[in-house]
C-alpha cells in the first residue's frame, strides 16, 4: 500500500488521493482507519475524497471543489455544517 511507503519517508505531510475509490464497501472502513490513526497521531494530510464522512472525522479545514475550482474553504461548520450556497447544500444533501 502506498501509505506504508510514505510512512517510511521522513515527511510532515502526506497526500491521500481517493484512497477508497476502487474498494468494495466492506473494505472502506478498514482502509480509512490508517489515515484516521495518522491524523490523530502526528501526520498532516491533504486528502482528496468523495467520502464526506471521512474528512469530518479527521480534518480541521475543508476545501470543496466544483469544476476544478475551489468552491468553498473553511472549517467543517463553514463548509458542510452550515452551507451558504445552494450548490453546497445540494452536495451535502446528496452525501448525507
PDB file of N, CA and C in Angstrom:
ATOM      1  N   UNK A   1       0.844  -1.183   0.000  1.00  0.00           N
ATOM      2  CA  UNK A   1       0.000   0.000   0.000  1.00  0.00           C
ATOM      3  C   UNK A   1       0.889   1.247   0.000  1.00  0.00           C
ATOM      4  N   UNK A   2       0.493   2.243  -0.735  1.00  0.00           N
ATOM      5  CA  UNK A   2       1.282   3.470  -0.867  1.00  0.00           C
ATOM      6  C   UNK A   2       1.434   4.209   0.457  1.00  0.00           C
ATOM      7  N   UNK A   3       0.453   4.116   1.332  1.00  0.00           N
ATOM      8  CA  UNK A   3       0.558   4.778   2.643  1.00  0.00           C
ATOM      9  C   UNK A   3       1.724   4.197   3.419  1.00  0.00           C
ATOM     10  N   UNK A   4       1.899   2.892   3.359  1.00  0.00           N
ATOM     11  CA  UNK A   4       3.028   2.259   4.045  1.00  0.00           C
ATOM     12  C   UNK A   4       4.354   2.821   3.541  1.00  0.00           C
ATOM     13  N   UNK A   5       4.478   2.977   2.238  1.00  0.00           N
ATOM     14  CA  UNK A   5       5.697   3.529   1.657  1.00  0.00           C
ATOM     15  C   UNK A   5       5.922   4.959   2.135  1.00  0.00           C
ATOM     16  N   UNK A   6       4.879   5.757   2.144  1.00  0.00           N
ATOM     17  CA  UNK A   6       5.007   7.151   2.574  1.00  0.00           C
ATOM     18  C   UNK A   6       5.463   7.251   4.022  1.00  0.00           C
ATOM     19  N   UNK A   7       5.053   6.319   4.841  1.00  0.00           N
ATOM     20  CA  UNK A   7       5.439   6.345   6.249  1.00  0.00           C
ATOM     21  C   UNK A   7       6.917   6.064   6.457  1.00  0.00           C
ATOM     22  N   UNK A   8       7.545   5.392   5.504  1.00  0.00           N
ATOM     23  CA  UNK A   8       8.966   5.110   5.636  1.00  0.00           C
ATOM     24  C   UNK A   8       9.821   6.335   5.327  1.00  0.00           C
ATOM     25  N   UNK A   9       9.224   7.330   4.716  1.00  0.00           N
ATOM     26  CA  UNK A   9       9.942   8.549   4.374  1.00  0.00           C
ATOM     27  C   UNK A   9       9.806   9.551   5.517  1.00  0.00           C
ATOM     28  N   UNK A  10      10.756  10.437   5.627  1.00  0.00           N
ATOM     29  CA  UNK A  10      10.713  11.470   6.655  1.00  0.00           C
ATOM     30  C   UNK A  10       9.959  12.672   6.094  1.00  0.00           C
ATOM     31  N   UNK A  11       8.677  12.773   6.427  1.00  0.00           N
ATOM     32  CA  UNK A  11       7.857  13.842   5.887  1.00  0.00           C
ATOM     33  C   UNK A  11       6.853  14.317   6.931  1.00  0.00           C
ATOM     34  N   UNK A  12       6.415  15.546   6.785  1.00  0.00           N
ATOM     35  CA  UNK A  12       5.415  16.093   7.698  1.00  0.00           C
ATOM     36  C   UNK A  12       4.008  15.981   7.116  1.00  0.00           C
ATOM     37  N   UNK A  13       3.906  15.800   5.814  1.00  0.00           N
ATOM     38  CA  UNK A  13       2.618  15.778   5.125  1.00  0.00           C
ATOM     39  C   UNK A  13       2.510  14.541   4.258  1.00  0.00           C
ATOM     40  N   UNK A  14       1.274  14.136   4.024  1.00  0.00           N
ATOM     41  CA  UNK A  14       1.027  13.039   3.107  1.00  0.00           C
ATOM     42  C   UNK A  14      -0.201  13.410   2.269  1.00  0.00           C
ATOM     43  N   UNK A  15      -0.165  13.090   0.999  1.00  0.00           N
ATOM     44  CA  UNK A  15      -1.302  13.298   0.103  1.00  0.00           C
ATOM     45  C   UNK A  15      -2.039  11.973  -0.024  1.00  0.00           C
ATOM     46  N   UNK A  16      -3.310  11.982   0.336  1.00  0.00           N
ATOM     47  CA  UNK A  16      -4.150  10.798   0.236  1.00  0.00           C
ATOM     48  C   UNK A  16      -5.185  11.105  -0.833  1.00  0.00           C
ATOM     49  N   UNK A  17      -5.046  10.473  -1.984  1.00  0.00           N
ATOM     50  CA  UNK A  17      -5.892  10.785  -3.133  1.00  0.00           C
ATOM     51  C   UNK A  17      -6.833   9.626  -3.446  1.00  0.00           C
ATOM     52  N   UNK A  18      -8.109   9.807  -3.163  1.00  0.00           N
ATOM     53  CA  UNK A  18      -9.145   8.819  -3.478  1.00  0.00           C
ATOM     54  C   UNK A  18      -8.746   7.414  -3.040  1.00  0.00           C
ATOM     55  N   UNK A  19      -8.350   7.306  -1.792  1.00  0.00           N
ATOM     56  CA  UNK A  19      -7.845   6.045  -1.261  1.00  0.00           C
ATOM     57  C   UNK A  19      -8.908   4.935  -1.263  1.00  0.00           C
ATOM     58  N   UNK A  20     -10.174   5.283  -1.351  1.00  0.00           N
ATOM     59  CA  UNK A  20     -11.240   4.274  -1.324  1.00  0.00           C
ATOM     60  C   UNK A  20     -11.918   4.068  -2.675  1.00  0.00           C
ATOM     61  N   UNK A  21     -11.421   4.677  -3.719  1.00  0.00           N
ATOM     62  CA  UNK A  21     -12.145   4.705  -4.996  1.00  0.00           C
ATOM     63  C   UNK A  21     -12.425   3.340  -5.610  1.00  0.00           C
ATOM     64  N   UNK A  22     -11.550   2.377  -5.462  1.00  0.00           N
ATOM     65  CA  UNK A  22     -11.759   1.086  -6.119  1.00  0.00           C
ATOM     66  C   UNK A  22     -12.013  -0.046  -5.125  1.00  0.00           C
ATOM     67  N   UNK A  23     -12.464   0.312  -3.947  1.00  0.00           N
ATOM     68  CA  UNK A  23     -12.642  -0.701  -2.912  1.00  0.00           C
ATOM     69  C   UNK A  23     -14.072  -1.194  -2.813  1.00  0.00           C
ATOM     70  N   UNK A  24     -14.200  -2.427  -2.373  1.00  0.00           N
ATOM     71  CA  UNK A  24     -15.515  -2.949  -2.031  1.00  0.00           C
ATOM     72  C   UNK A  24     -15.976  -2.228  -0.766  1.00  0.00           C
ATOM     73  N   UNK A  25     -17.270  -1.950  -0.644  1.00  0.00           N
ATOM     74  CA  UNK A  25     -17.772  -1.191   0.505  1.00  0.00           C
ATOM     75  C   UNK A  25     -17.333  -1.730   1.864  1.00  0.00           C
ATOM     76  N   UNK A  26     -17.220  -3.044   2.000  1.00  0.00           N
ATOM     77  CA  UNK A  26     -16.846  -3.589   3.297  1.00  0.00           C
ATOM     78  C   UNK A  26     -15.381  -3.342   3.648  1.00  0.00           C
ATOM     79  N   UNK A  27     -14.552  -2.943   2.682  1.00  0.00           N
ATOM     80  CA  UNK A  27     -13.147  -2.652   2.955  1.00  0.00           C
ATOM     81  C   UNK A  27     -12.878  -1.172   3.216  1.00  0.00           C
ATOM     82  N   UNK A  28     -13.819  -0.307   2.907  1.00  0.00           N
ATOM     83  CA  UNK A  28     -13.606   1.134   3.015  1.00  0.00           C
ATOM     84  C   UNK A  28     -13.228   1.534   4.427  1.00  0.00           C
ATOM     85  N   UNK A  29     -13.995   1.083   5.398  1.00  0.00           N
ATOM     86  CA  UNK A  29     -13.716   1.473   6.790  1.00  0.00           C
ATOM     87  C   UNK A  29     -12.322   1.046   7.225  1.00  0.00           C
ATOM     88  N   UNK A  30     -11.955  -0.175   6.894  1.00  0.00           N
ATOM     89  CA  UNK A  30     -10.646  -0.687   7.279  1.00  0.00           C
ATOM     90  C   UNK A  30      -9.519   0.160   6.677  1.00  0.00           C
ATOM     91  N   UNK A  31      -9.641   0.520   5.413  1.00  0.00           N
ATOM     92  CA  UNK A  31      -8.612   1.325   4.754  1.00  0.00           C
ATOM     93  C   UNK A  31      -8.556   2.729   5.349  1.00  0.00           C
ATOM     94  N   UNK A  32      -9.701   3.310   5.662  1.00  0.00           N
ATOM     95  CA  UNK A  32      -9.721   4.668   6.212  1.00  0.00           C
ATOM     96  C   UNK A  32      -9.225   4.730   7.654  1.00  0.00           C
ATOM     97  N   UNK A  33      -9.171   3.599   8.326  1.00  0.00           N
ATOM     98  CA  UNK A  33      -8.657   3.604   9.696  1.00  0.00           C
ATOM     99  C   UNK A  33      -7.192   4.039   9.760  1.00  0.00           C
ATOM    100  N   UNK A  34      -6.398   3.733   8.740  1.00  0.00           N
ATOM    101  CA  UNK A  34      -4.980   4.124   8.745  1.00  0.00           C
ATOM    102  C   UNK A  34      -4.808   5.636   8.681  1.00  0.00           C
ATOM    103  N   UNK A  35      -5.390   6.340   7.720  1.00  0.00           N
ATOM    104  CA  UNK A  35      -5.262   7.800   7.749  1.00  0.00           C
ATOM    105  C   UNK A  35      -5.878   8.430   9.000  1.00  0.00           C
ATOM    106  N   UNK A  36      -6.956   7.851   9.521  1.00  0.00           N
ATOM    107  CA  UNK A  36      -7.539   8.357  10.780  1.00  0.00           C
ATOM    108  C   UNK A  36      -6.520   8.289  11.903  1.00  0.00           C
ATOM    109  N   UNK A  37      -5.864   7.148  12.022  1.00  0.00           N
ATOM    110  CA  UNK A  37      -4.863   6.955  13.062  1.00  0.00           C
ATOM    111  C   UNK A  37      -3.709   7.951  12.888  1.00  0.00           C
ATOM    112  N   UNK A  38      -3.267   8.135  11.649  1.00  0.00           N
ATOM    113  CA  UNK A  38      -2.160   9.058  11.387  1.00  0.00           C
ATOM    114  C   UNK A  38      -2.536  10.496  11.728  1.00  0.00           C
ATOM    115  N   UNK A  39      -3.743  10.884  11.408  1.00  0.00           N
ATOM    116  CA  UNK A  39      -4.152  12.265  11.686  1.00  0.00           C
ATOM    117  C   UNK A  39      -4.221  12.520  13.183  1.00  0.00           C
ATOM    118  N   UNK A  40      -4.594  11.533  13.936  1.00  0.00           N
ATOM    119  CA  UNK A  40      -4.668  11.691  15.392  1.00  0.00           C
ATOM    120  C   UNK A  40      -3.288  11.643  16.038  1.00  0.00           C
ATOM    121  N   UNK A  41      -2.370  10.956  15.401  1.00  0.00           N
ATOM    122  CA  UNK A  41      -1.047  10.785  15.979  1.00  0.00           C
ATOM    123  C   UNK A  41      -0.110  11.944  15.669  1.00  0.00           C
ATOM    124  N   UNK A  42       0.129  12.223  14.391  1.00  0.00           N
ATOM    125  CA  UNK A  42       1.152  13.226  14.111  1.00  0.00           C
ATOM    126  C   UNK A  42       1.166  13.755  12.690  1.00  0.00           C
ATOM    127  N   UNK A  43       0.543  13.114  11.767  1.00  0.00           N
ATOM    128  CA  UNK A  43       0.740  13.476  10.373  1.00  0.00           C
ATOM    129  C   UNK A  43      -0.344  14.401   9.838  1.00  0.00           C
ATOM    130  N   UNK A  44       0.085  15.421   9.121  1.00  0.00           N
ATOM    131  CA  UNK A  44      -0.853  16.289   8.410  1.00  0.00           C
ATOM    132  C   UNK A  44      -1.115  15.681   7.042  1.00  0.00           C
ATOM    133  N   UNK A  45      -2.372  15.766   6.598  1.00  0.00           N
ATOM    134  CA  UNK A  45      -2.742  15.166   5.331  1.00  0.00           C
ATOM    135  C   UNK A  45      -3.485  16.152   4.454  1.00  0.00           C
ATOM    136  N   UNK A  46      -3.248  16.014   3.182  1.00  0.00           N
ATOM    137  CA  UNK A  46      -4.092  16.633   2.168  1.00  0.00           C
ATOM    138  C   UNK A  46      -4.847  15.462   1.571  1.00  0.00           C
ATOM    139  N   UNK A  47      -6.148  15.485   1.705  1.00  0.00           N
ATOM    140  CA  UNK A  47      -6.958  14.328   1.349  1.00  0.00           C
ATOM    141  C   UNK A  47      -7.953  14.699   0.264  1.00  0.00           C
ATOM    142  N   UNK A  48      -7.886  14.003  -0.850  1.00  0.00           N
ATOM    143  CA  UNK A  48      -8.849  14.157  -1.931  1.00  0.00           C
ATOM    144  C   UNK A  48      -9.793  12.969  -1.826  1.00  0.00           C
ATOM    145  N   UNK A  49     -11.087  13.260  -1.652  1.00  0.00           N
ATOM    146  CA  UNK A  49     -12.031  12.170  -1.463  1.00  0.00           C
ATOM    147  C   UNK A  49     -13.450  12.588  -1.805  1.00  0.00           C
ATOM    148  N   UNK A  50     -14.248  11.597  -2.100  1.00  0.00           N
ATOM    149  CA  UNK A  50     -15.686  11.801  -2.245  1.00  0.00           C
ATOM    150  C   UNK A  50     -16.414  11.264  -1.021  1.00  0.00           C
ATOM    151  N   UNK A  51     -15.660  10.721  -0.091  1.00  0.00           N
ATOM    152  CA  UNK A  51     -16.197  10.195   1.163  1.00  0.00           C
ATOM    153  C   UNK A  51     -16.323  11.348   2.154  1.00  0.00           C
ATOM    154  N   UNK A  52     -17.444  11.992   2.224  1.00  0.00           N
ATOM    155  CA  UNK A  52     -17.592  13.184   3.041  1.00  0.00           C
ATOM    156  C   UNK A  52     -17.519  12.876   4.531  1.00  0.00           C
ATOM    157  N   UNK A  53     -17.897  11.697   4.937  1.00  0.00           N
ATOM    158  CA  UNK A  53     -17.834  11.363   6.362  1.00  0.00           C
ATOM    159  C   UNK A  53     -16.403  11.260   6.859  1.00  0.00           C
ATOM    160  N   UNK A  54     -15.517  10.782   6.046  1.00  0.00           N
ATOM    161  CA  UNK A  54     -14.113  10.641   6.444  1.00  0.00           C
ATOM    162  C   UNK A  54     -13.465  11.983   6.791  1.00  0.00           C
ATOM    163  N   UNK A  55     -13.527  12.996   5.949  1.00  0.00           N
ATOM    164  CA  UNK A  55     -12.918  14.274   6.332  1.00  0.00           C
ATOM    165  C   UNK A  55     -13.546  14.880   7.587  1.00  0.00           C
ATOM    166  N   UNK A  56     -14.813  14.625   7.816  1.00  0.00           N
ATOM    167  CA  UNK A  56     -15.446  15.117   9.040  1.00  0.00           C
ATOM    168  C   UNK A  56     -14.763  14.547  10.271  1.00  0.00           C
ATOM    169  N   UNK A  57     -14.279  13.322  10.183  1.00  0.00           N
ATOM    170  CA  UNK A  57     -13.622  12.665  11.318  1.00  0.00           C
ATOM    171  C   UNK A  57     -12.208  13.165  11.563  1.00  0.00           C
ATOM    172  N   UNK A  58     -11.506  13.560  10.511  1.00  0.00           N
ATOM    173  CA  UNK A  58     -10.068  13.798  10.666  1.00  0.00           C
ATOM    174  C   UNK A  58      -9.597  15.215  10.352  1.00  0.00           C
ATOM    175  N   UNK A  59     -10.449  16.062   9.829  1.00  0.00           N
ATOM    176  CA  UNK A  59      -9.941  17.352   9.352  1.00  0.00           C
ATOM    177  C   UNK A  59     -10.364  18.521  10.229  1.00  0.00           C
ATOM    178  N   UNK A  60      -9.561  19.549  10.156  1.00  0.00           N
ATOM    179  CA  UNK A  60      -9.949  20.800  10.801  1.00  0.00           C
ATOM    180  C   UNK A  60     -10.265  21.874   9.760  1.00  0.00           C
ATOM    181  N   UNK A  61      -9.868  21.646   8.510  1.00  0.00           N
ATOM    182  CA  UNK A  61     -10.212  22.554   7.413  1.00  0.00           C
ATOM    183  C   UNK A  61     -10.574  21.733   6.193  1.00  0.00           C
ATOM    184  N   UNK A  62     -11.560  22.210   5.459  1.00  0.00           N
ATOM    185  CA  UNK A  62     -12.024  21.533   4.253  1.00  0.00           C
ATOM    186  C   UNK A  62     -12.010  22.498   3.077  1.00  0.00           C
ATOM    187  N   UNK A  63     -11.829  21.955   1.904  1.00  0.00           N
ATOM    188  CA  UNK A  63     -11.994  22.717   0.667  1.00  0.00           C
ATOM    189  C   UNK A  63     -12.923  21.915  -0.222  1.00  0.00           C
ATOM    190  N   UNK A  64     -13.962  22.545  -0.682  1.00  0.00           N
ATOM    191  CA  UNK A  64     -14.915  21.916  -1.574  1.00  0.00           C
ATOM    192  C   UNK A  64     -14.665  22.454  -2.972  1.00  0.00           C
ATOM    193  N   UNK A  65     -14.414  21.558  -3.915  1.00  0.00           N
ATOM    194  CA  UNK A  65     -14.116  21.947  -5.284  1.00  0.00           C
ATOM    195  C   UNK A  65     -15.323  21.691  -6.170  1.00  0.00           C
ATOM    196  N   UNK A  66     -15.501  22.557  -7.152  1.00  0.00           N
ATOM    197  CA  UNK A  66     -16.525  22.371  -8.182  1.00  0.00           C
ATOM    198  C   UNK A  66     -15.918  22.833  -9.501  1.00  0.00           C
ATOM    199  N   UNK A  67     -15.997  21.982 -10.501  1.00  0.00           N
ATOM    200  CA  UNK A  67     -15.435  22.301 -11.814  1.00  0.00           C
ATOM    201  C   UNK A  67     -13.978  22.738 -11.712  1.00  0.00           C
ATOM    202  N   UNK A  68     -13.211  22.003 -10.909  1.00  0.00           N
ATOM    203  CA  UNK A  68     -11.768  22.202 -10.742  1.00  0.00           C
ATOM    204  C   UNK A  68     -11.390  23.519 -10.066  1.00  0.00           C
ATOM    205  N   UNK A  69     -12.337  24.196  -9.461  1.00  0.00           N
ATOM    206  CA  UNK A  69     -12.079  25.438  -8.739  1.00  0.00           C
ATOM    207  C   UNK A  69     -12.543  25.292  -7.304  1.00  0.00           C
ATOM    208  N   UNK A  70     -11.882  26.004  -6.398  1.00  0.00           N
ATOM    209  CA  UNK A  70     -12.311  25.982  -5.007  1.00  0.00           C
ATOM    210  C   UNK A  70     -13.658  26.685  -4.904  1.00  0.00           C
ATOM    211  N   UNK A  71     -14.637  25.950  -4.456  1.00  0.00           N
ATOM    212  CA  UNK A  71     -15.998  26.457  -4.304  1.00  0.00           C
ATOM    213  C   UNK A  71     -16.173  27.075  -2.918  1.00  0.00           C
ATOM    214  N   UNK A  72     -15.560  26.439  -1.901  1.00  0.00           N
ATOM    215  CA  UNK A  72     -15.648  26.922  -0.532  1.00  0.00           C
ATOM    216  C   UNK A  72     -14.489  26.335   0.249  1.00  0.00           C
ATOM    217  N   UNK A  73     -13.907  27.114   1.160  1.00  0.00           N
ATOM    218  CA  UNK A  73     -12.843  26.636   2.028  1.00  0.00           C
ATOM    219  C   UNK A  73     -13.076  27.189   3.420  1.00  0.00           C
ATOM    220  N   UNK A  74     -12.827  26.372   4.414  1.00  0.00           N
ATOM    221  CA  UNK A  74     -13.010  26.816   5.789  1.00  0.00           C
ATOM    222  C   UNK A  74     -13.115  25.648   6.741  1.00  0.00           C
ATOM    223  N   UNK A  75     -13.656  25.918   7.914  1.00  0.00           N
ATOM    224  CA  UNK A  75     -13.850  24.867   8.907  1.00  0.00           C
ATOM    225  C   UNK A  75     -14.969  23.938   8.440  1.00  0.00           C
ATOM    226  N   UNK A  76     -15.108  22.824   9.112  1.00  0.00           N
ATOM    227  CA  UNK A  76     -16.178  21.887   8.772  1.00  0.00           C
ATOM    228  C   UNK A  76     -17.543  22.560   8.871  1.00  0.00           C
ATOM    229  N   UNK A  77     -17.733  23.346   9.921  1.00  0.00           N
ATOM    230  CA  UNK A  77     -19.016  24.036  10.086  1.00  0.00           C
ATOM    231  C   UNK A  77     -19.282  25.013   8.955  1.00  0.00           C
ATOM    232  N   UNK A  78     -18.257  25.719   8.510  1.00  0.00           N
ATOM    233  CA  UNK A  78     -18.432  26.694   7.435  1.00  0.00           C
ATOM    234  C   UNK A  78     -18.733  26.026   6.101  1.00  0.00           C
ATOM    235  N   UNK A  79     -18.070  24.917   5.821  1.00  0.00           N
ATOM    236  CA  UNK A  79     -18.187  24.295   4.506  1.00  0.00           C
ATOM    237  C   UNK A  79     -19.365  23.333   4.421  1.00  0.00           C
ATOM    238  N   UNK A  80     -19.492  22.453   5.404  1.00  0.00           N
ATOM    239  CA  UNK A  80     -20.502  21.403   5.356  1.00  0.00           C
ATOM    240  C   UNK A  80     -21.636  21.651   6.349  1.00  0.00           C
ATOM    241  N   UNK A  81     -21.302  22.080   7.548  1.00  0.00           N
ATOM    242  CA  UNK A  81     -22.293  22.207   8.601  1.00  0.00           C
ATOM    243  C   UNK A  81     -23.359  23.254   8.353  1.00  0.00           C
ATOM    244  N   UNK A  82     -22.974  24.363   7.755  1.00  0.00           N
ATOM    245  CA  UNK A  82     -23.906  25.461   7.523  1.00  0.00           C
ATOM    246  C   UNK A  82     -23.672  26.037   6.131  1.00  0.00           C
ATOM    247  N   UNK A  83     -24.019  25.291   5.099  1.00  0.00           N
ATOM    248  CA  UNK A  83     -23.726  25.753   3.740  1.00  0.00           C
ATOM    249  C   UNK A  83     -24.487  27.031   3.395  1.00  0.00           C
ATOM    250  N   UNK A  84     -23.772  27.970   2.796  1.00  0.00           N
ATOM    251  CA  UNK A  84     -24.355  29.261   2.432  1.00  0.00           C
ATOM    252  C   UNK A  84     -24.860  29.285   0.986  1.00  0.00           C
ATOM    253  N   UNK A  85     -24.343  28.417   0.145  1.00  0.00           N
ATOM    254  CA  UNK A  85     -24.746  28.377  -1.256  1.00  0.00           C
ATOM    255  C   UNK A  85     -25.659  27.188  -1.518  1.00  0.00           C
ATOM    256  N   UNK A  86     -26.561  27.363  -2.438  1.00  0.00           N
ATOM    257  CA  UNK A  86     -27.494  26.287  -2.790  1.00  0.00           C
ATOM    258  C   UNK A  86     -26.750  25.052  -3.300  1.00  0.00           C
ATOM    259  N   UNK A  87     -25.686  25.264  -4.065  1.00  0.00           N
ATOM    260  CA  UNK A  87     -24.930  24.130  -4.611  1.00  0.00           C
ATOM    261  C   UNK A  87     -24.286  23.325  -3.486  1.00  0.00           C
ATOM    262  N   UNK A  88     -23.764  24.008  -2.469  1.00  0.00           N
ATOM    263  CA  UNK A  88     -23.141  23.315  -1.348  1.00  0.00           C
ATOM    264  C   UNK A  88     -24.191  22.548  -0.562  1.00  0.00           C
ATOM    265  N   UNK A  89     -25.345  23.145  -0.334  1.00  0.00           N
ATOM    266  CA  UNK A  89     -26.423  22.466   0.372  1.00  0.00           C
ATOM    267  C   UNK A  89     -26.887  21.230  -0.404  1.00  0.00           C
ATOM    268  N   UNK A  90     -26.967  21.364  -1.707  1.00  0.00           N
ATOM    269  CA  UNK A  90     -27.356  20.237  -2.558  1.00  0.00           C
ATOM    270  C   UNK A  90     -26.341  19.104  -2.469  1.00  0.00           C
ATOM    271  N   UNK A  91     -25.051  19.469  -2.487  1.00  0.00           N
ATOM    272  CA  UNK A  91     -23.994  18.472  -2.358  1.00  0.00           C
ATOM    273  C   UNK A  91     -24.114  17.761  -1.015  1.00  0.00           C
ATOM    274  N   UNK A  92     -24.271  18.525   0.031  1.00  0.00           N
ATOM    275  CA  UNK A  92     -24.379  17.934   1.366  1.00  0.00           C
ATOM    276  C   UNK A  92     -25.556  16.969   1.447  1.00  0.00           C
ATOM    277  N   UNK A  93     -26.686  17.363   0.909  1.00  0.00           N
ATOM    278  CA  UNK A  93     -27.871  16.502   0.928  1.00  0.00           C
ATOM    279  C   UNK A  93     -27.636  15.204   0.143  1.00  0.00           C
ATOM    280  N   UNK A  94     -26.832  15.274  -0.894  1.00  0.00           N
ATOM    281  CA  UNK A  94     -26.609  14.092  -1.732  1.00  0.00           C
ATOM    282  C   UNK A  94     -25.686  13.082  -1.078  1.00  0.00           C
ATOM    283  N   UNK A  95     -24.865  13.496  -0.110  1.00  0.00           N
ATOM    284  CA  UNK A  95     -23.918  12.575   0.516  1.00  0.00           C
ATOM    285  C   UNK A  95     -24.276  12.200   1.940  1.00  0.00           C
ATOM    286  N   UNK A  96     -25.193  12.888   2.537  1.00  0.00           N
ATOM    287  CA  UNK A  96     -25.606  12.557   3.919  1.00  0.00           C
ATOM    288  C   UNK A  96     -26.531  11.374   3.956  1.00  0.00           C
TER     289      UNK A  96
END
